[in-house]
C-alpha atoms as a PDB file:
ATOM      1  CA  MET A   1     -26.851   1.829  -6.133  1.00  0.00           C
ATOM      2  CA  LEU A   2     -25.586  -1.569  -7.246  1.00  0.00           C
ATOM      3  CA  GLN A   3     -28.490  -3.918  -7.820  1.00  0.00           C
ATOM      4  CA  ALA A   4     -28.193  -7.615  -8.647  1.00  0.00           C
ATOM      5  CA  THR A   5     -31.465  -9.291  -9.580  1.00  0.00           C
ATOM      6  CA  ASP A   6     -31.771 -13.067 -10.041  1.00  0.00           C
ATOM      7  CA  LEU A   7     -28.084 -13.174 -10.960  1.00  0.00           C
ATOM      8  CA  THR A   8     -27.217 -16.602 -12.376  1.00  0.00           C
ATOM      9  CA  LYS A   9     -24.082 -18.235 -13.733  1.00  0.00           C
ATOM     10  CA  ARG A  10     -23.931 -21.723 -15.189  1.00  0.00           C
ATOM     11  CA  TYR A  11     -20.970 -23.689 -16.515  1.00  0.00           C
ATOM     12  CA  GLY A  12     -22.641 -26.393 -18.558  1.00  0.00           C
ATOM     13  CA  GLY A  13     -24.624 -28.424 -16.027  1.00  0.00           C
ATOM     14  CA  LEU A  14     -22.966 -26.776 -13.031  1.00  0.00           C
ATOM     15  CA  VAL A  15     -24.858 -23.888 -11.459  1.00  0.00           C
ATOM     16  CA  ALA A  16     -22.253 -21.696  -9.739  1.00  0.00           C
ATOM     17  CA  LEU A  17     -24.720 -18.932  -8.853  1.00  0.00           C
ATOM     18  CA  ASN A  18     -28.470 -19.419  -8.727  1.00  0.00           C
ATOM     19  CA  ARG A  19     -30.821 -16.411  -8.910  1.00  0.00           C
ATOM     20  CA  ALA A  20     -28.863 -14.347  -6.385  1.00  0.00           C
ATOM     21  CA  SER A  21     -30.402 -10.954  -5.572  1.00  0.00           C
ATOM     22  CA  PHE A  22     -28.825  -8.264  -3.408  1.00  0.00           C
ATOM     23  CA  GLU A  23     -28.006  -4.567  -3.439  1.00  0.00           C
ATOM     24  CA  VAL A  24     -25.377  -2.139  -2.213  1.00  0.00           C
ATOM     25  CA  ARG A  25     -26.691   1.336  -1.444  1.00  0.00           C
ATOM     26  CA  PRO A  26     -24.712   4.598  -1.308  1.00  0.00           C
ATOM     27  CA  GLY A  27     -22.885   4.937   2.005  1.00  0.00           C
ATOM     28  CA  GLU A  28     -22.912   1.184   2.662  1.00  0.00           C
ATOM     29  CA  ILE A  29     -20.163  -1.353   3.174  1.00  0.00           C
ATOM     30  CA  VAL A  30     -21.802  -4.708   2.519  1.00  0.00           C
ATOM     31  CA  GLY A  31     -20.051  -7.867   3.666  1.00  0.00           C
ATOM     32  CA  TYR A  32     -20.373 -10.864   1.343  1.00  0.00           C
ATOM     33  CA  LEU A  33     -19.810 -14.119   3.219  1.00  0.00           C
ATOM     34  CA  GLY A  34     -19.905 -17.752   2.181  1.00  0.00           C
ATOM     35  CA  PRO A  35     -17.973 -21.019   2.480  1.00  0.00           C
ATOM     36  CA  ASN A  36     -15.547 -22.116  -0.240  1.00  0.00           C
ATOM     37  CA  GLY A  37     -17.409 -23.065  -3.396  1.00  0.00           C
ATOM     38  CA  SER A  38     -20.499 -21.054  -2.455  1.00  0.00           C
ATOM     39  CA  GLY A  39     -20.258 -18.689  -5.431  1.00  0.00           C
ATOM     40  CA  LYS A  40     -18.577 -15.655  -3.828  1.00  0.00           C
ATOM     41  CA  SER A  41     -15.780 -15.394  -6.386  1.00  0.00           C
ATOM     42  CA  THR A  42     -18.246 -15.958  -9.213  1.00  0.00           C
ATOM     43  CA  THR A  43     -20.366 -13.105  -7.887  1.00  0.00           C
ATOM     44  CA  VAL A  44     -17.377 -10.764  -7.660  1.00  0.00           C
ATOM     45  CA  ASN A  45     -16.285 -11.639 -11.198  1.00  0.00           C
ATOM     46  CA  LEU A  46     -19.792 -10.974 -12.484  1.00  0.00           C
ATOM     47  CA  VAL A  47     -20.100  -7.646 -10.657  1.00  0.00           C
ATOM     48  CA  VAL A  48     -16.792  -6.313 -12.022  1.00  0.00           C
ATOM     49  CA  GLY A  49     -17.467  -7.611 -15.530  1.00  0.00           C
ATOM     50  CA  LEU A  50     -14.897 -10.393 -15.762  1.00  0.00           C
ATOM     51  CA  LEU A  51     -17.670 -12.916 -16.411  1.00  0.00           C
ATOM     52  CA  GLU A  52     -20.956 -12.619 -18.273  1.00  0.00           C
ATOM     53  CA  PRO A  53     -24.087 -13.753 -16.419  1.00  0.00           C
ATOM     54  CA  THR A  54     -26.151 -16.634 -17.736  1.00  0.00           C
ATOM     55  CA  GLY A  55     -29.268 -14.963 -16.412  1.00  0.00           C
ATOM     56  CA  GLY A  56     -30.494 -12.065 -14.324  1.00  0.00           C
ATOM     57  CA  SER A  57     -29.342  -8.466 -14.347  1.00  0.00           C
ATOM     58  CA  LEU A  58     -26.739  -6.125 -12.872  1.00  0.00           C
ATOM     59  CA  THR A  59     -27.160  -2.362 -12.741  1.00  0.00           C
ATOM     60  CA  LEU A  60     -25.017   0.348 -11.157  1.00  0.00           C
ATOM     61  CA  ASP A  61     -26.626   3.760 -10.708  1.00  0.00           C
ATOM     62  CA  GLY A  62     -29.263   2.592 -13.167  1.00  0.00           C
ATOM     63  CA  ILE A  63     -26.697   1.590 -15.830  1.00  0.00           C
ATOM     64  CA  SER A  64     -26.915  -2.003 -17.038  1.00  0.00           C
ATOM     65  CA  ILE A  65     -23.714  -3.984 -17.459  1.00  0.00           C
ATOM     66  CA  ILE A  66     -25.249  -5.515 -20.596  1.00  0.00           C
ATOM     67  CA  GLY A  67     -26.686  -2.306 -22.024  1.00  0.00           C
ATOM     68  CA  ASP A  68     -23.640  -0.054 -21.455  1.00  0.00           C
ATOM     69  CA  PRO A  69     -20.679  -2.080 -20.140  1.00  0.00           C
ATOM     70  CA  VAL A  70     -18.146   0.759 -20.562  1.00  0.00           C
ATOM     71  CA  ALA A  71     -20.143   3.254 -18.492  1.00  0.00           C
ATOM     72  CA  TYR A  72     -20.914   0.557 -15.914  1.00  0.00           C
ATOM     73  CA  LYS A  73     -17.284  -0.536 -15.472  1.00  0.00           C
ATOM     74  CA  SER A  74     -15.992   3.037 -15.393  1.00  0.00           C
ATOM     75  CA  ARG A  75     -17.719   3.469 -12.025  1.00  0.00           C
ATOM     76  CA  ILE A  76     -16.008   0.463 -10.384  1.00  0.00           C
ATOM     77  CA  GLY A  77     -12.702   0.002  -8.585  1.00  0.00           C
ATOM     78  CA  TYR A  78     -11.633  -3.594  -7.941  1.00  0.00           C
ATOM     79  CA  VAL A  79      -9.100  -5.074  -5.528  1.00  0.00           C
ATOM     80  CA  PRO A  80      -8.698  -8.839  -6.172  1.00  0.00           C
ATOM     81  CA  GLU A  81      -7.454 -11.324  -3.605  1.00  0.00           C
ATOM     82  CA  GLU A  82      -4.322 -12.283  -5.516  1.00  0.00           C
ATOM     83  CA  PRO A  83      -2.074  -9.381  -6.546  1.00  0.00           C
ATOM     84  CA  PHE A  84      -1.267 -10.472 -10.090  1.00  0.00           C
ATOM     85  CA  LEU A  85       0.541  -7.556 -11.727  1.00  0.00           C
ATOM     86  CA  TYR A  86       2.887  -6.820 -14.607  1.00  0.00           C
ATOM     87  CA  THR A  87       5.893  -7.247 -12.343  1.00  0.00           C
ATOM     88  CA  HIS A  88       8.398  -6.031 -14.948  1.00  0.00           C
ATOM     89  CA  LEU A  89       6.909  -2.548 -14.474  1.00  0.00           C
ATOM     90  CA  THR A  90       7.419  -0.109 -11.619  1.00  0.00           C
ATOM     91  CA  ALA A  91       4.362   0.821  -9.545  1.00  0.00           C
ATOM     92  CA  ALA A  92       4.214   4.228 -11.240  1.00  0.00           C
ATOM     93  CA  GLU A  93       4.387   2.654 -14.702  1.00  0.00           C
ATOM     94  CA  TYR A  94       1.618   0.211 -13.831  1.00  0.00           C
ATOM     95  CA  LEU A  95      -0.617   2.962 -12.429  1.00  0.00           C
ATOM     96  CA  THR A  96       0.050   5.082 -15.525  1.00  0.00           C
ATOM     97  CA  LEU A  97      -1.114   2.185 -17.689  1.00  0.00           C
ATOM     98  CA  VAL A  98      -4.256   1.728 -15.585  1.00  0.00           C
ATOM     99  CA  GLY A  99      -5.024   5.444 -15.623  1.00  0.00           C
ATOM    100  CA  GLN A 100      -4.603   5.723 -19.386  1.00  0.00           C
ATOM    101  CA  LEU A 101      -6.916   2.752 -19.880  1.00  0.00           C
ATOM    102  CA  ARG A 102      -9.408   4.657 -17.715  1.00  0.00           C
ATOM    103  CA  GLY A 103      -9.068   7.656 -20.043  1.00  0.00           C
ATOM    104  CA  MET A 104      -7.397   9.919 -17.496  1.00  0.00           C
ATOM    105  CA  SER A 105      -5.382  12.946 -18.616  1.00  0.00           C
ATOM    106  CA  GLY A 106      -1.648  13.375 -18.001  1.00  0.00           C
ATOM    107  CA  GLY A 107      -1.695  16.161 -15.414  1.00  0.00           C
ATOM    108  CA  VAL A 108      -4.434  14.728 -13.215  1.00  0.00           C
ATOM    109  CA  LEU A 109      -3.091  11.212 -13.593  1.00  0.00           C
ATOM    110  CA  ASN A 110       0.488  12.091 -12.662  1.00  0.00           C
ATOM    111  CA  ALA A 111      -0.632  14.067  -9.606  1.00  0.00           C
ATOM    112  CA  ARG A 112      -2.830  11.234  -8.350  1.00  0.00           C
ATOM    113  CA  ILE A 113      -0.150   8.609  -8.908  1.00  0.00           C
ATOM    114  CA  SER A 114       2.424  10.653  -7.022  1.00  0.00           C
ATOM    115  CA  GLY A 115       0.038  11.302  -4.154  1.00  0.00           C
ATOM    116  CA  LEU A 116      -1.147   7.701  -3.836  1.00  0.00           C
ATOM    117  CA  LEU A 117       2.382   6.274  -3.946  1.00  0.00           C
ATOM    118  CA  ASP A 118       3.384   8.636  -1.180  1.00  0.00           C
ATOM    119  CA  LEU A 119       0.328   8.049   1.016  1.00  0.00           C
ATOM    120  CA  LEU A 120       0.471   4.264   0.580  1.00  0.00           C
ATOM    121  CA  GLN A 121       4.150   4.200   1.566  1.00  0.00           C
ATOM    122  CA  LEU A 122       5.394   3.172  -1.869  1.00  0.00           C
ATOM    123  CA  HIS A 123       7.258   6.370  -2.768  1.00  0.00           C
ATOM    124  CA  ASP A 124      10.678   5.056  -1.704  1.00  0.00           C
ATOM    125  CA  SER A 125      10.223   2.057  -4.029  1.00  0.00           C
ATOM    126  CA  ARG A 126       8.982   4.051  -7.030  1.00  0.00           C
ATOM    127  CA  TYR A 127      12.003   3.153  -9.203  1.00  0.00           C
ATOM    128  CA  LYS A 128      11.941  -0.578  -8.400  1.00  0.00           C
ATOM    129  CA  THR A 129      10.091  -3.070 -10.542  1.00  0.00           C
ATOM    130  CA  MET A 130       7.242  -4.797  -8.756  1.00  0.00           C
ATOM    131  CA  ARG A 131       9.074  -8.101  -9.082  1.00  0.00           C
ATOM    132  CA  ALA A 132      10.880  -7.112  -5.877  1.00  0.00           C
ATOM    133  CA  PHE A 133       7.665  -6.167  -4.026  1.00  0.00           C
ATOM    134  CA  SER A 134       6.200  -8.157  -1.156  1.00  0.00           C
ATOM    135  CA  LYS A 135       2.580  -9.333  -1.374  1.00  0.00           C
ATOM    136  CA  GLY A 136       1.531  -6.482   0.886  1.00  0.00           C
ATOM    137  CA  MET A 137       3.240  -3.909  -1.344  1.00  0.00           C
ATOM    138  CA  ARG A 138       1.573  -5.372  -4.424  1.00  0.00           C
ATOM    139  CA  GLN A 139      -1.764  -5.256  -2.621  1.00  0.00           C
ATOM    140  CA  ARG A 140      -1.228  -1.546  -1.966  1.00  0.00           C
ATOM    141  CA  VAL A 141      -0.512  -0.998  -5.672  1.00  0.00           C
ATOM    142  CA  LEU A 142      -3.820  -2.697  -6.501  1.00  0.00           C
ATOM    143  CA  LEU A 143      -5.598  -0.478  -3.988  1.00  0.00           C
ATOM    144  CA  ALA A 144      -4.054   2.606  -5.637  1.00  0.00           C
ATOM    145  CA  ALA A 145      -5.158   1.324  -9.060  1.00  0.00           C
ATOM    146  CA  ALA A 146      -8.700   0.762  -7.783  1.00  0.00           C
ATOM    147  CA  LEU A 147      -8.942   4.286  -6.343  1.00  0.00           C
ATOM    148  CA  LEU A 148      -7.161   6.117  -9.144  1.00  0.00           C
ATOM    149  CA  HIS A 149     -10.287   7.102 -11.102  1.00  0.00           C
ATOM    150  CA  ASN A 150     -12.412   7.991  -8.024  1.00  0.00           C
ATOM    151  CA  PRO A 151     -14.921   5.113  -8.367  1.00  0.00           C
ATOM    152  CA  ARG A 152     -18.521   5.059  -7.146  1.00  0.00           C
ATOM    153  CA  LEU A 153     -18.301   1.371  -6.184  1.00  0.00           C
ATOM    154  CA  LEU A 154     -15.308  -0.393  -4.669  1.00  0.00           C
ATOM    155  CA  VAL A 155     -15.334  -4.210  -4.956  1.00  0.00           C
ATOM    156  CA  LEU A 156     -12.950  -5.967  -2.588  1.00  0.00           C
ATOM    157  CA  ASP A 157     -12.053  -9.667  -2.592  1.00  0.00           C
ATOM    158  CA  GLU A 158     -10.147 -10.491   0.628  1.00  0.00           C
ATOM    159  CA  PRO A 159      -8.335  -7.138   0.393  1.00  0.00           C
ATOM    160  CA  PHE A 160      -6.487  -7.424   3.717  1.00  0.00           C
ATOM    161  CA  SER A 161      -4.551 -10.502   2.643  1.00  0.00           C
ATOM    162  CA  GLY A 162      -0.840  -9.714   2.919  1.00  0.00           C
ATOM    163  CA  LEU A 163      -1.245  -6.229   4.393  1.00  0.00           C
ATOM    164  CA  ASP A 164       0.800  -5.370   7.460  1.00  0.00           C
ATOM    165  CA  VAL A 165      -0.856  -3.953  10.593  1.00  0.00           C
ATOM    166  CA  ASN A 166      -0.323  -0.296   9.697  1.00  0.00           C
ATOM    167  CA  ALA A 167      -1.565  -0.694   6.123  1.00  0.00           C
ATOM    168  CA  GLY A 168      -4.580  -2.640   7.392  1.00  0.00           C
ATOM    169  CA  LEU A 169      -5.486   0.122   9.836  1.00  0.00           C
ATOM    170  CA  LEU A 170      -5.144   2.751   7.109  1.00  0.00           C
ATOM    171  CA  PHE A 171      -7.272   0.705   4.718  1.00  0.00           C
ATOM    172  CA  ARG A 172     -10.067   0.209   7.260  1.00  0.00           C
ATOM    173  CA  THR A 173     -10.133   3.917   8.072  1.00  0.00           C
ATOM    174  CA  LEU A 174     -10.220   4.772   4.364  1.00  0.00           C
ATOM    175  CA  LEU A 175     -13.127   2.404   3.697  1.00  0.00           C
ATOM    176  CA  ARG A 176     -15.195   4.011   6.452  1.00  0.00           C
ATOM    177  CA  MET A 177     -14.465   7.471   5.045  1.00  0.00           C
ATOM    178  CA  LEU A 178     -15.393   6.369   1.514  1.00  0.00           C
ATOM    179  CA  ALA A 179     -18.725   5.085   2.832  1.00  0.00           C
ATOM    180  CA  ASP A 180     -19.271   8.325   4.776  1.00  0.00           C
ATOM    181  CA  GLU A 181     -18.877  10.199   1.471  1.00  0.00           C
ATOM    182  CA  GLY A 182     -21.636   8.118  -0.103  1.00  0.00           C
ATOM    183  CA  ARG A 183     -19.513   5.576  -1.975  1.00  0.00           C
ATOM    184  CA  MET A 184     -20.508   1.915  -2.125  1.00  0.00           C
ATOM    185  CA  VAL A 185     -18.310  -0.978  -1.007  1.00  0.00           C
ATOM    186  CA  LEU A 186     -18.906  -4.684  -1.661  1.00  0.00           C
ATOM    187  CA  PHE A 187     -16.564  -6.610   0.616  1.00  0.00           C
ATOM    188  CA  SER A 188     -16.121 -10.351  -0.067  1.00  0.00           C
ATOM    189  CA  THR A 189     -14.298 -12.103   2.768  1.00  0.00           C
ATOM    190  CA  HIS A 190     -14.064 -15.111   5.065  1.00  0.00           C
ATOM    191  CA  ARG A 191     -13.381 -12.986   8.142  1.00  0.00           C
ATOM    192  CA  PHE A 192     -16.246 -12.387  10.544  1.00  0.00           C
ATOM    193  CA  ASP A 193     -14.195  -9.854  12.526  1.00  0.00           C
ATOM    194  CA  MET A 194     -13.650  -7.649   9.463  1.00  0.00           C
ATOM    195  CA  VAL A 195     -17.350  -7.736   8.608  1.00  0.00           C
ATOM    196  CA  GLU A 196     -18.263  -6.805  12.187  1.00  0.00           C
ATOM    197  CA  GLN A 197     -15.759  -3.945  12.241  1.00  0.00           C
ATOM    198  CA  LEU A 198     -16.543  -2.451   8.849  1.00  0.00           C
ATOM    199  CA  CYS A 199     -19.901  -3.450   7.451  1.00  0.00           C
ATOM    200  CA  SER A 200     -23.384  -2.096   7.956  1.00  0.00           C
ATOM    201  CA  ARG A 201     -25.034  -5.069   6.267  1.00  0.00           C
ATOM    202  CA  VAL A 202     -24.148  -8.663   5.436  1.00  0.00           C
ATOM    203  CA  VAL A 203     -25.216 -10.996   2.611  1.00  0.00           C
ATOM    204  CA  MET A 204     -24.550 -14.732   3.023  1.00  0.00           C
ATOM    205  CA  LEU A 205     -24.222 -17.259   0.235  1.00  0.00           C
ATOM    206  CA  SER A 206     -24.406 -21.056   0.262  1.00  0.00           C
ATOM    207  CA  LYS A 207     -24.331 -23.437  -2.702  1.00  0.00           C
ATOM    208  CA  GLY A 208     -24.838 -20.551  -5.116  1.00  0.00           C
ATOM    209  CA  CYS A 209     -27.883 -19.109  -3.347  1.00  0.00           C
ATOM    210  CA  VAL A 210     -28.353 -16.104  -1.085  1.00  0.00           C
ATOM    211  CA  VAL A 211     -29.449 -17.592   2.244  1.00  0.00           C
ATOM    212  CA  ALA A 212     -29.368 -14.491   4.471  1.00  0.00           C
ATOM    213  CA  ALA A 213     -29.273 -10.714   4.132  1.00  0.00           C
ATOM    214  CA  GLU A 214     -29.265  -8.782   7.395  1.00  0.00           C
ATOM    215  CA  GLU A 215     -28.429  -5.423   8.889  1.00  0.00           C
ATOM    216  CA  LEU A 216     -25.444  -5.958  11.212  1.00  0.00           C
ATOM    217  CA  ALA A 217     -27.175  -4.037  13.987  1.00  0.00           C
ATOM    218  CA  ALA A 218     -30.015  -6.575  13.915  1.00  0.00           C
ATOM    219  CA  VAL A 219     -27.717  -9.623  14.058  1.00  0.00           C
ATOM    220  CA  GLY A 220     -26.368  -8.922  17.545  1.00  0.00           C
ATOM    221  CA  PRO A 221     -23.624  -7.060  19.431  1.00  0.00           C
ATOM    222  CA  ARG A 222     -20.228  -7.003  17.777  1.00  0.00           C
ATOM    223  CA  GLY A 223     -17.852  -9.589  19.186  1.00  0.00           C
ATOM    224  CA  SER A 224     -20.700 -11.620  20.672  1.00  0.00           C
ATOM    225  CA  GLY A 225     -20.425 -14.475  18.164  1.00  0.00           C
ATOM    226  CA  ALA A 226     -23.898 -13.693  16.802  1.00  0.00           C
ATOM    227  CA  LEU A 227     -22.656 -13.179  13.247  1.00  0.00           C
ATOM    228  CA  GLU A 228     -20.792 -16.483  13.239  1.00  0.00           C
ATOM    229  CA  ALA A 229     -23.841 -18.236  14.710  1.00  0.00           C
ATOM    230  CA  LEU A 230     -26.036 -16.790  11.956  1.00  0.00           C
ATOM    231  CA  PHE A 231     -23.534 -17.916   9.333  1.00  0.00           C
ATOM    232  CA  LEU A 232     -23.464 -21.474  10.707  1.00  0.00           C
ATOM    233  CA  ARG A 233     -27.271 -21.671  10.707  1.00  0.00           C
ATOM    234  CA  ALA A 234     -27.835 -20.013   7.349  1.00  0.00           C
ATOM    235  CA  THR A 235     -25.193 -21.989   5.455  1.00  0.00           C
ATOM    236  CA  GLY A 236     -25.863 -25.316   7.205  1.00  0.00           C
ATOM    237  CA  GLN A 237     -22.332 -25.824   8.480  1.00  0.00           C
ATOM    238  CA  PRO A 238     -21.697 -29.009  10.514  1.00  0.00           C
ATOM    239  CA  ASP A 239     -20.521 -29.070  14.112  1.00  0.00           C
ATOM    240  CA  TYR A 240     -16.747 -29.348  13.841  1.00  0.00           C
ATOM    241  CA  THR A 241     -16.234 -30.175  17.517  1.00  0.00           C
ATOM    242  CA  PRO A 242     -16.070 -33.974  17.002  1.00  0.00           C
ATOM    243  CA  ILE A 243     -13.537 -33.597  14.160  1.00  0.00           C
ATOM    244  CA  ALA A 244     -11.422 -31.191  16.189  1.00  0.00           C
ATOM    245  CA  ARG A 245     -11.504 -33.645  19.105  1.00  0.00           C
ATOM    246  CA  GLN A 246     -10.382 -36.510  16.831  1.00  0.00           C
ATOM    247  CA  ILE A 247      -7.485 -34.404  15.516  1.00  0.00           C
ATOM    248  CA  LEU A 248      -6.437 -33.638  19.079  1.00  0.00           C
ATOM    249  CA  GLU A 249      -6.641 -37.324  19.984  1.00  0.00           C
ATOM    250  CA  ALA A 250      -4.642 -38.277  16.885  1.00  0.00           C
ATOM    251  CA  ILE A 251      -1.721 -35.983  17.708  1.00  0.00           C
ATOM    252  CA  SER A 252      -1.828 -36.902  21.388  1.00  0.00           C
ATOM    253  CA  ALA A 253      -1.768 -40.681  20.887  1.00  0.00           C
END
């Protein structure tokens, strides 16, 4: 499993993440929720190895990111929120680069690239550079890159941003099947509906600290508003009704 223990990140005097502890077990999709500035992106960057922790530990299947970073990272697939790619390349060229960096062989790599491009509806655009791709198409390329090496853990940062309805439905179905096979998914998002639909457990963050960690089944029925109510309590969000009323009055004056 993925285990974060007292995970801490400081930037000088600023504490972006403060002794955060959580885990993702095989077969789980864990939702990671928090307001802007709570430390969600910092956590994701630490988990995938883009940042080094100031304190605490991260292990994946017993492998420490500090002790053996190559073995640790080889087990992770990552889909970031913003699809920054080498847009002068075609999707196939980009995936070839990613696969070679992962140490994949030519035959296996070429077969997987061809299959993923076809299944993710990118085959017809295989000769175009990604400069001409929409955000949703680029997001699908990132998903293919994350899955290419058959990872144990999939880390997702707002992965549905830019996806059309069909691609979103496919992605949700795929995530459930990955979890059913015993993979682990850490899903960072702002969307309560996605967490309710996909996740078995939720971890909530506020001001760099974990303030709640609950099984979704224990929170309340899906669609009942119980998850949102828990989030508001746990993260200390204000009542926005007066502000909303003032906005309405301002535009109606």
